[in-house]
Amino acid sequence: MAIYHYSHKPVSRGKGQSAVAGAAYRSAEKLYDRSIDETFDYSRRGGVAHAEIVLPTEAVKRDIQWAYNRQALWNAAEAAERRRDSRIAREHEVALPHELTKDQQIALLRSFSKEIADRYNVAVDFALHRPHRNGDRRNFHAHIYATTREITPTGLGPKASIELSDTDRFKRGLSSGRKEIKFMRDVFEKLENEHLRTHGIEARVDCRTLKAQGIDRVPTTHLGPAVWGMERRGIETRVGVRVREQRELEARQRLERARELGRLEREGRELSRSILDLSADLAAARAARGREGPERDPSRSTDVLETARDAAARWKEQRAQHPPLSIEEQQRQGREAWLKLRREQLEREKTPGQEQGLEKGRDSDRGEKKRKDRELDRDIGDDFSR
């Protein structure tokens, strides 16, 4: 199935990065950086399936040709910035559906690059990379380099809107930078699904988080190219160790959740089985109580099992009228129904003695009434504990 991935990050001179070197590496070309008088030769690098420069529609109409030269473009990006901590490029990284052919993947990249170029009036340099021979064979991805300044016929002009601070964006009537990135994520999702649909592929992608999609799964961790390269060469890294420990912990947590769900399911089956056992001869018990009629001695102790069966019957009748409840809620309601029934029966058993005492005037004292209430509660507690 196709997996959605989109990330972006600035290429900063303050981090020792070079736009010329980055473009040479991602396009597998040999480029000369005039600002530092150094040549970066990655022409023998494998894994690059296609590289292309896309310009805004307005630049194409004005027949701006100089920006199609990769070396001239990124040397202009370096020369346009004066500060030591300047942003000299912005990189967008995307995953491509392995279900698409190479030409179809290039068409998708070209469409998305055109969206970036037209929205910010910048030059876009994208490179399609094939999966590494030792990695996942479905890992087709692309690195999209965009200039931080707008394209003009003679070079690079003012800063693109995506590079402005939120304060400057608000002055221009634009949304915040965070909302802008979310917008671009939505754009790539729609383009990817549109190309999948066009080529008759049922797979779809979703840029939302797993939680927002209602998927109960732990997100995977991305090692990054540097860490992955070291791990591939057999060099153990702290990031790799931490990721492996995290995966082991997540696996144990999934097993524990599965065991807990299995335990709850078994308890639910046992509870249902016990309720069925208690109510098996309910009809016979009711018939026996009916035959006893009014001659039944009210002072005789009520059978605990019979009381439990009656409570279970009431509980089943209530359960039939309401949606299914959790095991804890079912147990709580069963206990409440049993206690209520037991209290009523004990009160009926003590009624004759109380009526006789009232006739003789022996129970007029309030202390005697409280004492009888305490005895009633104690009897209920003793029966329930049994």
Protein backbone atom coordinates (compact mmCIF):
# COMPACT_ATOMS: atom_id res chain seq x y z
CA MET A 1 0.00 0.00 0.00
CA ALA A 2 1.13 3.59 -0.63
CA ILE A 3 2.51 5.42 2.42
CA TYR A 4 2.33 9.20 2.82
CA HIS A 5 5.47 11.12 3.72
CA TYR A 6 6.21 14.81 3.33
CA SER A 7 8.78 16.85 5.23
CA HIS A 8 10.58 20.12 4.68
CA LYS A 9 13.63 21.83 6.15
CA PRO A 10 15.77 24.87 5.35
CA VAL A 11 19.29 24.59 3.99
CA SER A 12 21.25 26.99 6.20
CA ARG A 13 24.71 28.41 5.78
CA GLY A 14 24.88 28.67 9.56
CA LYS A 15 24.97 24.86 9.73
CA GLY A 16 27.83 24.68 7.27
CA GLN A 17 25.54 23.60 4.42
CA SER A 18 25.99 24.51 0.77
CA ALA A 19 23.21 24.79 -1.80
CA VAL A 20 25.63 23.91 -4.61
CA ALA A 21 26.93 20.82 -2.81
CA GLY A 22 23.42 19.72 -1.89
CA ALA A 23 22.14 20.10 -5.45
CA ALA A 24 25.16 18.22 -6.83
CA TYR A 25 24.69 15.33 -4.43
CA ARG A 26 20.94 14.98 -4.99
CA SER A 27 21.17 15.22 -8.78
CA ALA A 28 24.38 13.14 -9.04
CA GLU A 29 26.19 15.85 -11.00
CA LYS A 30 29.48 17.76 -10.92
CA LEU A 31 28.98 21.39 -9.86
CA TYR A 32 31.45 24.20 -9.16
CA ASP A 33 30.81 26.53 -6.19
CA ARG A 34 32.24 29.98 -7.03
CA SER A 35 31.74 31.33 -3.50
CA ILE A 36 34.29 28.93 -1.99
CA ASP A 37 36.17 27.98 -5.19
CA GLU A 38 35.43 24.27 -4.79
CA THR A 39 34.02 21.58 -7.09
CA PHE A 40 31.57 18.95 -5.86
CA ASP A 41 31.61 15.87 -8.06
CA TYR A 42 28.91 13.26 -7.42
CA SER A 43 28.55 12.17 -11.05
CA ARG A 44 29.49 8.57 -10.16
CA ARG A 45 26.82 8.36 -7.49
CA GLY A 46 24.12 5.76 -8.15
CA GLY A 47 20.46 5.66 -7.23
CA VAL A 48 19.33 8.86 -8.96
CA ALA A 49 16.66 7.97 -11.50
CA HIS A 50 15.85 11.49 -12.77
CA ALA A 51 16.65 15.16 -12.04
CA GLU A 52 14.88 18.21 -13.44
CA ILE A 53 14.44 21.96 -12.86
CA VAL A 54 10.93 23.46 -12.89
CA LEU A 55 10.23 27.20 -13.15
CA PRO A 56 7.05 29.17 -12.38
CA THR A 57 4.50 29.66 -15.13
CA GLU A 58 5.22 33.40 -15.18
CA ALA A 59 8.96 32.75 -15.67
CA VAL A 60 8.22 30.42 -18.57
CA LYS A 61 6.02 33.08 -20.20
CA ARG A 62 8.85 35.60 -19.86
CA ASP A 63 11.28 33.03 -21.37
CA ILE A 64 13.70 33.05 -18.43
CA GLN A 65 16.32 30.50 -19.43
CA TRP A 66 19.30 31.10 -17.14
CA ALA A 67 17.69 29.25 -14.18
CA TYR A 68 17.57 25.95 -16.10
CA ASN A 69 21.35 25.73 -15.65
CA ARG A 70 21.79 23.92 -12.31
CA GLN A 71 25.25 25.32 -11.60
CA ALA A 72 24.20 28.89 -12.43
CA LEU A 73 21.01 28.60 -10.38
CA TRP A 74 22.58 27.46 -7.12
CA ASN A 75 25.60 29.74 -7.44
CA ALA A 76 23.10 32.60 -7.76
CA ALA A 77 21.37 31.33 -4.60
CA GLU A 78 24.70 31.40 -2.74
CA ALA A 79 25.63 34.86 -4.07
CA ALA A 80 22.25 36.39 -3.17
CA GLU A 81 22.78 35.82 0.56
CA ARG A 82 25.25 37.89 2.58
CA ARG A 83 24.71 36.76 6.16
CA ARG A 84 26.66 33.90 7.69
CA ASP A 85 23.44 32.22 8.92
CA SER A 86 21.35 32.78 5.76
CA ARG A 87 18.88 30.28 4.38
CA ILE A 88 20.11 29.50 0.89
CA ALA A 89 17.54 26.84 -0.12
CA ARG A 90 14.53 24.92 1.17
CA GLU A 91 14.31 21.16 0.77
CA HIS A 92 11.01 19.28 0.45
CA GLU A 93 11.29 15.50 0.83
CA VAL A 94 8.45 13.23 -0.30
CA ALA A 95 7.79 9.50 -0.57
CA LEU A 96 6.43 8.24 -3.89
CA PRO A 97 3.97 5.34 -4.39
CA HIS A 98 5.86 2.26 -5.50
CA GLU A 99 2.71 1.25 -7.41
CA LEU A 100 3.47 3.95 -10.00
CA THR A 101 5.96 3.45 -12.83
CA LYS A 102 9.05 5.63 -13.15
CA ASP A 103 7.43 7.92 -15.74
CA GLN A 104 4.31 8.22 -13.58
CA GLN A 105 6.41 9.09 -10.53
CA ILE A 106 8.24 11.77 -12.53
CA ALA A 107 4.88 13.21 -13.68
CA LEU A 108 3.72 13.38 -10.04
CA LEU A 109 6.95 15.11 -9.00
CA ARG A 110 6.70 17.55 -11.88
CA SER A 111 3.13 18.48 -10.87
CA PHE A 112 4.06 19.03 -7.21
CA SER A 113 7.19 21.02 -8.14
CA LYS A 114 5.02 23.20 -10.38
CA GLU A 115 2.69 23.87 -7.43
CA ILE A 116 5.64 25.01 -5.30
CA ALA A 117 7.13 27.13 -8.08
CA ASP A 118 3.86 28.90 -8.93
CA ARG A 119 2.84 29.48 -5.31
CA TYR A 120 6.12 31.11 -4.24
CA ASN A 121 7.53 32.22 -7.65
CA VAL A 122 10.74 30.24 -7.06
CA ALA A 123 12.89 27.81 -9.04
CA VAL A 124 12.50 24.14 -8.07
CA ASP A 125 15.13 21.43 -8.63
CA PHE A 126 13.82 17.89 -7.95
CA ALA A 127 15.63 14.52 -8.04
CA LEU A 128 13.94 11.11 -8.04
CA HIS A 129 15.86 8.50 -6.02
CA ARG A 130 15.48 4.75 -6.28
CA PRO A 131 15.43 2.49 -3.17
CA HIS A 132 18.80 1.49 -1.80
CA ARG A 133 19.88 -2.02 -2.71
CA ASN A 134 20.05 -3.02 0.98
CA GLY A 135 16.84 -1.26 2.03
CA ASP A 136 13.11 -1.52 1.43
CA ARG A 137 12.53 -2.05 -2.31
CA ARG A 138 9.42 0.16 -2.13
CA ASN A 139 11.26 3.22 -0.83
CA PHE A 140 11.00 5.48 -3.89
CA HIS A 141 11.46 9.08 -2.76
CA ALA A 142 12.45 12.51 -4.02
CA HIS A 143 14.42 15.52 -2.81
CA ILE A 144 12.99 18.82 -3.99
CA TYR A 145 15.30 21.84 -3.69
CA ALA A 146 13.62 25.27 -3.94
CA THR A 147 15.27 28.69 -3.95
CA THR A 148 14.46 30.98 -1.03
CA ARG A 149 14.19 33.97 -3.36
CA GLU A 150 11.91 34.72 -6.29
CA ILE A 151 13.03 34.26 -9.90
CA THR A 152 13.67 37.35 -12.06
CA PRO A 153 15.05 37.65 -15.62
CA THR A 154 18.46 38.73 -14.30
CA GLY A 155 18.81 36.61 -11.19
CA LEU A 156 17.16 36.06 -7.82
CA GLY A 157 14.96 38.79 -6.33
CA PRO A 158 13.23 39.29 -2.97
CA LYS A 159 12.63 36.57 -0.38
CA ALA A 160 9.79 34.16 -1.14
CA SER A 161 6.71 34.41 1.09
CA ILE A 162 7.33 31.03 2.73
CA GLU A 163 10.65 32.34 4.09
CA LEU A 164 9.08 35.36 5.83
CA SER A 165 8.35 35.52 9.54
CA ASP A 166 4.75 35.25 10.72
CA THR A 167 4.75 38.99 11.51
CA ASP A 168 5.67 39.88 7.92
CA ARG A 169 3.24 37.30 6.56
CA PHE A 170 0.37 38.78 8.58
CA LYS A 171 1.23 42.24 7.24
CA ARG A 172 0.75 40.85 3.71
CA GLY A 173 -2.55 39.23 4.66
CA LEU A 174 -1.07 35.69 4.65
CA SER A 175 -1.63 32.91 7.17
CA SER A 176 1.01 31.66 9.62
CA GLY A 177 3.96 29.57 8.48
CA ARG A 178 2.55 26.50 10.24
CA LYS A 179 -0.72 26.74 8.33
CA GLU A 180 1.24 27.22 5.11
CA ILE A 181 3.13 23.96 5.65
CA LYS A 182 -0.14 22.15 6.43
CA PHE A 183 -1.55 23.54 3.19
CA MET A 184 1.38 22.11 1.22
CA ARG A 185 0.93 18.73 2.91
CA ASP A 186 -2.70 18.72 1.77
CA VAL A 187 -1.63 19.70 -1.75
CA PHE A 188 0.75 16.76 -2.04
CA GLU A 189 -1.87 14.35 -0.64
CA LYS A 190 -4.45 15.45 -3.22
CA LEU A 191 -1.95 15.28 -6.09
CA GLU A 192 -0.74 11.81 -5.07
CA ASN A 193 -4.28 10.43 -4.76
CA GLU A 194 -5.24 12.06 -8.07
CA HIS A 195 -2.35 10.36 -9.90
CA LEU A 196 -3.15 7.01 -8.24
CA ARG A 197 -6.79 7.34 -9.32
CA THR A 198 -5.82 8.36 -12.85
CA HIS A 199 -3.73 5.21 -13.32
CA GLY A 200 -6.40 2.91 -11.89
CA ILE A 201 -4.64 2.14 -8.59
CA GLU A 202 -6.93 1.60 -5.59
CA ALA A 203 -4.34 2.60 -2.96
CA ARG A 204 -4.82 6.02 -1.31
CA VAL A 205 -2.73 8.13 1.09
CA ASP A 206 -3.77 10.33 4.02
CA CYS A 207 -1.65 13.18 5.37
CA ARG A 208 -3.37 13.13 8.78
CA THR A 209 -1.80 11.53 11.83
CA LEU A 210 -2.67 7.95 12.77
CA LYS A 211 -4.64 9.23 15.77
CA ALA A 212 -6.68 11.59 13.57
CA GLN A 213 -7.39 8.68 11.20
CA GLY A 214 -8.57 6.49 14.11
CA ILE A 215 -5.77 3.96 13.56
CA ASP A 216 -4.47 2.29 16.73
CA ARG A 217 -0.87 1.82 15.66
CA VAL A 218 2.43 3.20 16.89
CA PRO A 219 4.04 5.50 14.27
CA THR A 220 7.32 4.27 12.83
CA THR A 221 10.59 6.11 13.49
CA HIS A 222 12.68 7.49 10.64
CA LEU A 223 16.42 6.96 11.10
CA GLY A 224 17.53 9.50 8.53
CA PRO A 225 20.11 9.05 5.76
CA ALA A 226 23.19 9.64 7.93
CA VAL A 227 22.24 7.17 10.67
CA TRP A 228 20.95 4.63 8.15
CA GLY A 229 24.22 4.83 6.21
CA MET A 230 26.27 4.17 9.36
CA GLU A 231 24.02 1.30 10.44
CA ARG A 232 24.24 -0.19 6.96
CA ARG A 233 28.04 -0.22 7.24
CA GLY A 234 27.82 -2.05 10.57
CA ILE A 235 28.49 1.00 12.79
CA GLU A 236 26.28 1.00 15.88
CA THR A 237 24.76 4.41 16.64
CA ARG A 238 22.94 5.76 19.69
CA VAL A 239 19.96 6.67 17.54
CA GLY A 240 19.82 3.15 16.09
CA VAL A 241 20.05 1.58 19.56
CA ARG A 242 17.31 3.86 20.88
CA VAL A 243 15.04 3.08 17.93
CA ARG A 244 15.55 -0.67 18.36
CA GLU A 245 14.82 -0.44 22.09
CA GLN A 246 11.71 1.59 21.33
CA ARG A 247 10.50 -1.00 18.84
CA GLU A 248 11.06 -3.82 21.36
CA LEU A 249 9.14 -1.86 24.01
CA GLU A 250 6.28 -1.22 21.59
CA ALA A 251 6.18 -4.92 20.69
CA ARG A 252 5.97 -5.89 24.37
CA GLN A 253 3.22 -3.33 24.94
CA ARG A 254 1.22 -4.75 22.04
CA LEU A 255 1.57 -8.27 23.49
CA GLU A 256 0.47 -7.05 26.93
CA ARG A 257 -2.58 -5.33 25.43
CA ALA A 258 -3.45 -8.50 23.54
CA ARG A 259 -3.13 -10.58 26.73
CA GLU A 260 -5.30 -8.12 28.67
CA LEU A 261 -7.97 -8.17 25.97
CA GLY A 262 -7.88 -11.96 26.00
CA ARG A 263 -8.24 -12.02 29.78
CA LEU A 264 -11.24 -9.67 29.69
CA GLU A 265 -12.83 -11.75 26.95
CA ARG A 266 -12.37 -14.95 28.99
CA GLU A 267 -13.84 -13.28 32.10
CA GLY A 268 -16.82 -12.14 30.04
CA ARG A 269 -17.44 -15.70 28.82
CA GLU A 270 -17.14 -17.05 32.38
CA LEU A 271 -19.59 -14.46 33.68
CA SER A 272 -22.08 -15.26 30.93
CA ARG A 273 -21.72 -18.98 31.67
CA SER A 274 -22.30 -18.46 35.42
CA ILE A 275 -25.40 -16.36 34.74
CA LEU A 276 -26.78 -19.12 32.52
CA ASP A 277 -26.09 -21.73 35.24
CA LEU A 278 -27.87 -19.69 37.89
CA SER A 279 -30.93 -19.09 35.72
CA ALA A 280 -31.16 -22.65 34.34
CA ASP A 281 -33.98 -23.76 36.66
CA LEU A 282 -35.51 -20.31 37.14
CA ALA A 283 -38.91 -21.49 35.94
CA ALA A 284 -38.94 -24.36 38.45
CA ALA A 285 -37.96 -22.03 41.30
CA ARG A 286 -40.76 -19.62 40.44
CA ALA A 287 -43.26 -22.47 40.24
CA ALA A 288 -42.15 -23.70 43.68
CA ARG A 289 -42.59 -20.25 45.19
CA GLY A 290 -46.03 -20.05 43.59
CA ARG A 291 -47.11 -23.38 45.15
CA GLU A 292 -46.02 -22.25 48.60
CA GLY A 293 -48.32 -19.26 48.30
CA PRO A 294 -49.42 -17.35 51.44
CA GLU A 295 -48.83 -20.36 53.72
CA ARG A 296 -45.05 -19.97 53.31
CA ASP A 297 -43.43 -19.17 56.65
CA PRO A 298 -42.06 -15.59 56.35
CA SER A 299 -39.57 -16.14 59.16
CA ARG A 300 -37.80 -18.93 57.25
CA SER A 301 -34.34 -17.97 55.91
CA THR A 302 -34.25 -17.34 52.18
CA ASP A 303 -31.99 -19.60 50.19
CA VAL A 304 -28.97 -17.57 48.99
CA LEU A 305 -28.69 -19.38 45.67
CA GLU A 306 -32.37 -18.79 44.94
CA THR A 307 -31.92 -15.10 45.72
CA ALA A 308 -28.95 -14.91 43.39
CA ARG A 309 -30.95 -16.56 40.61
CA ASP A 310 -33.73 -14.06 41.04
CA ALA A 311 -31.24 -11.16 40.95
CA ALA A 312 -29.63 -12.62 37.83
CA ALA A 313 -33.05 -12.82 36.17
CA ARG A 314 -33.74 -9.18 36.94
CA TRP A 315 -30.30 -8.22 35.68
CA LYS A 316 -30.85 -10.10 32.40
CA GLU A 317 -34.20 -8.36 31.89
CA GLN A 318 -32.55 -4.96 32.40
CA ARG A 319 -29.65 -5.90 30.11
CA ALA A 320 -32.08 -6.83 27.31
CA GLN A 321 -33.51 -3.30 27.43
CA HIS A 322 -30.15 -1.51 27.24
CA PRO A 323 -27.05 -1.70 25.03
CA PRO A 324 -24.26 -4.10 26.05
CA LEU A 325 -22.23 -2.91 29.04
CA SER A 326 -18.64 -3.47 30.09
CA ILE A 327 -17.79 -6.39 32.38
CA GLU A 328 -17.16 -4.09 35.35
CA GLU A 329 -20.50 -2.32 34.85
CA GLN A 330 -22.34 -5.65 34.53
CA GLN A 331 -20.82 -6.91 37.78
CA ARG A 332 -21.67 -3.67 39.59
CA GLN A 333 -25.30 -3.74 38.45
CA GLY A 334 -25.61 -7.41 39.37
CA ARG A 335 -24.37 -6.72 42.92
CA GLU A 336 -26.75 -3.77 43.32
CA ALA A 337 -29.73 -5.81 42.14
CA TRP A 338 -28.84 -8.70 44.46
CA LEU A 339 -28.40 -6.40 47.49
CA LYS A 340 -31.69 -4.66 46.81
CA LEU A 341 -33.58 -7.94 46.55
CA ARG A 342 -31.90 -9.34 49.68
CA ARG A 343 -32.74 -6.21 51.69
CA GLU A 344 -36.42 -6.46 50.68
CA GLN A 345 -36.59 -10.13 51.65
CA LEU A 346 -34.96 -9.56 55.06
CA GLU A 347 -37.34 -6.71 55.73
CA ARG A 348 -40.29 -8.97 54.93
CA GLU A 349 -38.94 -11.65 57.27
CA LYS A 350 -38.70 -9.23 60.22
CA THR A 351 -42.03 -7.52 59.57
CA PRO A 352 -44.26 -9.86 61.74
CA GLY A 353 -42.07 -9.37 64.80
CA GLN A 354 -42.03 -5.61 64.30
CA GLU A 355 -45.83 -5.46 63.90
CA GLN A 356 -46.32 -7.55 67.05
CA GLY A 357 -43.90 -5.26 68.93
CA LEU A 358 -45.79 -2.19 67.76
CA GLU A 359 -49.07 -3.64 69.06
CA LYS A 360 -47.52 -4.12 72.49
CA GLY A 361 -45.80 -0.73 72.42
CA ARG A 362 -42.32 -2.23 72.80
CA ASP A 363 -40.66 -0.54 69.75
CA SER A 364 -41.57 3.06 70.40
CA ASP A 365 -38.00 3.90 71.40
CA ARG A 366 -35.84 5.33 68.58
CA GLY A 367 -32.73 3.56 69.82
CA GLU A 368 -34.42 0.21 69.35
CA LYS A 369 -35.26 1.09 65.72
CA LYS A 370 -31.63 2.05 64.95
CA ARG A 371 -30.46 -1.19 66.50
CA LYS A 372 -32.75 -3.21 64.24
CA ASP A 373 -31.50 -1.29 61.19
CA ARG A 374 -27.92 -2.14 62.08
CA GLU A 375 -28.81 -5.81 62.46
CA LEU A 376 -30.51 -5.74 59.05
CA ASP A 377 -27.42 -4.28 57.38
CA ARG A 378 -25.22 -6.80 59.17
CA ASP A 379 -27.36 -9.70 57.94
CA ILE A 380 -27.14 -8.41 54.37
CA GLY A 381 -23.36 -8.11 54.64
CA ASP A 382 -23.00 -11.63 56.02
CA ASP A 383 -25.08 -13.12 53.21
CA PHE A 384 -23.18 -11.16 50.57
CA SER A 385 -19.79 -12.23 51.95
CA ARG A 386 -20.88 -15.87 51.69
